[in-house]
Structures are given as structure tokens and as C-alpha cells.
Amino acid sequence: MRDHPDVLRPIFISGHSQLTVQSLMTLFEIVLSPPGSNARRSENLTLTFWRDWLIDVGDGSRSVSLDKILIFASGVDQIPPMGFPQRPQIEFLHAPHESGARRRYPEANTCSVVLRLPIHHTFEDFVEYMESGIRQSPTFGFI
């Protein structure tokens, strides 16, 4: 490393590729409920909303950016050159809060890189709560 630092530089410093809609779509493993279940139907609709919203975000027509979504989910603004230690996952927020209220905002576990998407019945509600949750997230102070 000391004799030839340029050889390993891409592994440690550069080598970050541009974050794209496609790279964000394929980054996550989707954790789905059993086929035919009511939960699975809700998850399929939510995935449609997720993909459509990512396309809008990638076009620059939304109030958040692709890197802010990745920061919310993982704590980093670029996919590491050697990837994450575990494949990031998307889960769904079916269970209500202890108070009985429905979970409207996205949640994330940045240590294991798990993004939990809220279940909404309209694209407009999904977008509103996803963007609001990400913009207001105080965890990493990127706003």
C-alpha cells in the first residue's frame, strides 16, 4: 500500500459510481409476505408507488434526491465501492404503533440497512409521507 498507493485508491477513496434510479432499485432485497395474502397485495401496490416515486426523484421533480434516500436508509450518500456488508432490504410497515395508530412515515435501520416502507392506498399519500419523513429526519442532519 505504501509503495503503490494508486493501485488501491479506487477501493478506499474513489470508485464511487453515480447513484441512479436503477442502482437504487436493484440495491435492495424486497422482503415480501406470502403470495395471495392481503399483506402481499398491499406490498405490491407499495412497491409500484416506490418505483414510480424513485423515477420522479431521479428526474429531479421531487423535494428529495436519490442520495438523501440512501442516507436515510443507510447513513451514507453513495453505495460503498465494495458494497454493504449485508444486502440492504426493504420491509413493509403493516403493524400499527403501540397506540394503535397506523405507521405513515418510512423507518430505517441504518446499521443493517433496512428501509421500511409505509403502506398507503394512494400514490399521493405515499409520496407525501415518504418525502416528509426523509426531509424531517434528524438522524444525520442532512437538511
Protein backbone atom coordinates (compact mmCIF):
# COMPACT_ATOMS: atom_id res chain seq x y z
CA MET A 1 0.00 0.00 0.00
CA ARG A 2 2.80 2.39 0.80
CA ASP A 3 4.81 1.59 -2.32
CA HIS A 4 1.87 1.69 -4.76
CA PRO A 5 -0.98 3.71 -3.23
CA ASP A 6 -2.58 4.44 -6.62
CA VAL A 7 -3.33 0.76 -7.17
CA LEU A 8 -5.66 0.53 -4.16
CA ARG A 9 -7.00 4.09 -4.23
CA PRO A 10 -10.24 3.15 -6.08
CA ILE A 11 -11.12 0.67 -3.35
CA PHE A 12 -10.71 3.13 -0.48
CA ILE A 13 -11.33 6.60 -1.90
CA SER A 14 -12.84 6.74 -5.33
CA GLY A 15 -14.61 4.26 -7.50
CA HIS A 16 -17.99 5.56 -6.45
CA SER A 17 -20.35 5.34 -9.36
CA GLN A 18 -23.13 7.82 -9.92
CA LEU A 19 -26.21 6.94 -7.88
CA THR A 20 -29.04 6.23 -10.31
CA VAL A 21 -32.67 5.21 -10.08
CA GLN A 22 -31.72 1.77 -11.40
CA SER A 23 -28.90 1.28 -8.89
CA LEU A 24 -31.23 2.21 -6.04
CA MET A 25 -33.98 -0.08 -7.35
CA THR A 26 -31.66 -3.07 -7.58
CA LEU A 27 -29.76 -2.35 -4.36
CA PHE A 28 -32.47 -3.62 -2.04
CA GLU A 29 -33.72 -7.15 -1.48
CA ILE A 30 -37.50 -6.96 -1.12
CA VAL A 31 -38.94 -8.91 1.83
CA LEU A 32 -42.48 -9.90 0.85
CA SER A 33 -45.37 -11.63 2.61
CA PRO A 34 -46.68 -14.95 1.24
CA PRO A 35 -48.25 -14.80 -2.25
CA GLY A 36 -52.03 -14.41 -2.23
CA SER A 37 -52.16 -12.76 1.19
CA ASN A 38 -53.78 -9.37 1.79
CA ALA A 39 -50.42 -8.13 3.05
CA ARG A 40 -48.75 -9.15 -0.22
CA ARG A 41 -51.34 -7.21 -2.24
CA SER A 42 -50.62 -4.09 -0.16
CA GLU A 43 -46.87 -4.64 -0.58
CA ASN A 44 -47.18 -4.98 -4.36
CA LEU A 45 -49.06 -1.67 -4.53
CA THR A 46 -46.46 -0.03 -2.28
CA LEU A 47 -43.64 -1.34 -4.49
CA THR A 48 -45.34 0.21 -7.50
CA PHE A 49 -45.52 3.52 -5.63
CA TRP A 50 -41.84 3.14 -4.56
CA ARG A 51 -40.63 2.57 -8.12
CA ASP A 52 -42.72 5.36 -9.61
CA TRP A 53 -41.55 7.74 -6.90
CA LEU A 54 -37.88 6.82 -7.45
CA ILE A 55 -38.29 7.65 -11.13
CA ASP A 56 -39.74 11.05 -10.20
CA VAL A 57 -36.91 11.63 -7.70
CA GLY A 58 -34.35 10.68 -10.36
CA ASP A 59 -35.91 13.20 -12.74
CA GLY A 60 -35.41 15.92 -10.15
CA SER A 61 -39.13 16.61 -9.84
CA ARG A 62 -39.42 15.80 -6.12
CA SER A 63 -38.33 17.55 -2.93
CA VAL A 64 -35.74 14.88 -2.05
CA SER A 65 -32.85 13.38 -4.01
CA LEU A 66 -31.58 9.83 -4.54
CA ASP A 67 -28.64 10.43 -2.23
CA LYS A 68 -30.96 11.65 0.55
CA ILE A 69 -32.99 8.46 0.22
CA LEU A 70 -29.80 6.42 0.52
CA ILE A 71 -28.65 8.49 3.50
CA PHE A 72 -32.00 7.91 5.19
CA ALA A 73 -31.78 4.15 4.62
CA SER A 74 -28.06 3.58 5.23
CA GLY A 75 -26.35 6.66 6.64
CA VAL A 76 -24.12 7.05 3.55
CA ASP A 77 -24.70 9.11 0.42
CA GLN A 78 -23.05 6.68 -2.02
CA ILE A 79 -23.03 2.93 -2.36
CA PRO A 80 -19.67 1.78 -0.96
CA PRO A 81 -17.26 0.57 -3.67
CA MET A 82 -17.25 -2.93 -2.18
CA GLY A 83 -20.96 -2.83 -1.35
CA PHE A 84 -22.62 -3.12 2.03
CA PRO A 85 -21.66 -5.95 4.42
CA GLN A 86 -25.20 -7.34 4.03
CA ARG A 87 -27.57 -6.75 1.15
CA PRO A 88 -29.90 -3.86 2.06
CA GLN A 89 -33.55 -4.81 2.47
CA ILE A 90 -36.96 -3.25 2.04
CA GLU A 91 -39.62 -4.29 4.51
CA PHE A 92 -43.17 -3.04 4.95
CA LEU A 93 -44.89 -1.37 7.91
CA HIS A 94 -48.07 -3.37 8.39
CA ALA A 95 -48.22 -3.42 12.19
CA PRO A 96 -49.59 -0.30 13.89
CA HIS A 97 -47.79 1.62 16.62
CA GLU A 98 -48.43 0.53 20.20
CA SER A 99 -51.01 3.33 20.35
CA GLY A 100 -52.91 1.65 17.51
CA ALA A 101 -52.11 4.42 15.03
CA ARG A 102 -51.08 3.41 11.54
CA ARG A 103 -47.42 3.96 10.64
CA ARG A 104 -47.47 6.65 7.96
CA TYR A 105 -43.77 7.53 7.71
CA PRO A 106 -40.83 5.46 6.47
CA GLU A 107 -38.47 3.95 9.01
CA ALA A 108 -34.90 2.76 8.64
CA ASN A 109 -32.30 0.76 10.48
CA THR A 110 -29.02 2.16 9.20
CA CYS A 111 -26.87 -0.45 10.93
CA SER A 112 -28.32 -3.37 8.99
CA VAL A 113 -29.55 -1.13 6.12
CA VAL A 114 -33.25 -1.97 6.31
CA LEU A 115 -35.71 0.51 4.83
CA ARG A 116 -39.30 0.05 6.00
CA LEU A 117 -41.92 1.47 3.69
CA PRO A 118 -45.31 2.64 4.95
CA ILE A 119 -48.46 1.18 3.42
CA HIS A 120 -50.65 3.80 1.73
CA HIS A 121 -53.61 3.41 -0.59
CA THR A 122 -52.75 6.31 -2.91
CA PHE A 123 -49.56 7.39 -4.62
CA GLU A 124 -50.07 10.95 -3.39
CA ASP A 125 -50.17 9.85 0.27
CA PHE A 126 -47.15 7.60 -0.21
CA VAL A 127 -45.13 10.46 -1.72
CA GLU A 128 -46.23 12.99 0.89
CA TYR A 129 -45.24 10.83 3.85
CA MET A 130 -42.04 9.45 2.29
CA GLU A 131 -40.73 12.90 1.44
CA SER A 132 -41.83 14.46 4.69
CA GLY A 133 -40.26 11.64 6.70
CA ILE A 134 -36.97 11.84 4.83
CA ARG A 135 -36.79 15.66 4.90
CA GLN A 136 -37.55 15.81 8.61
CA SER A 137 -35.25 13.00 9.62
CA PRO A 138 -32.90 14.46 12.24
CA THR A 139 -30.64 11.41 12.45
CA PHE A 140 -27.87 12.56 10.13
CA GLY A 141 -28.64 16.26 9.87
CA PHE A 142 -28.53 16.48 6.09
CA ILE A 143 -31.34 19.03 5.74
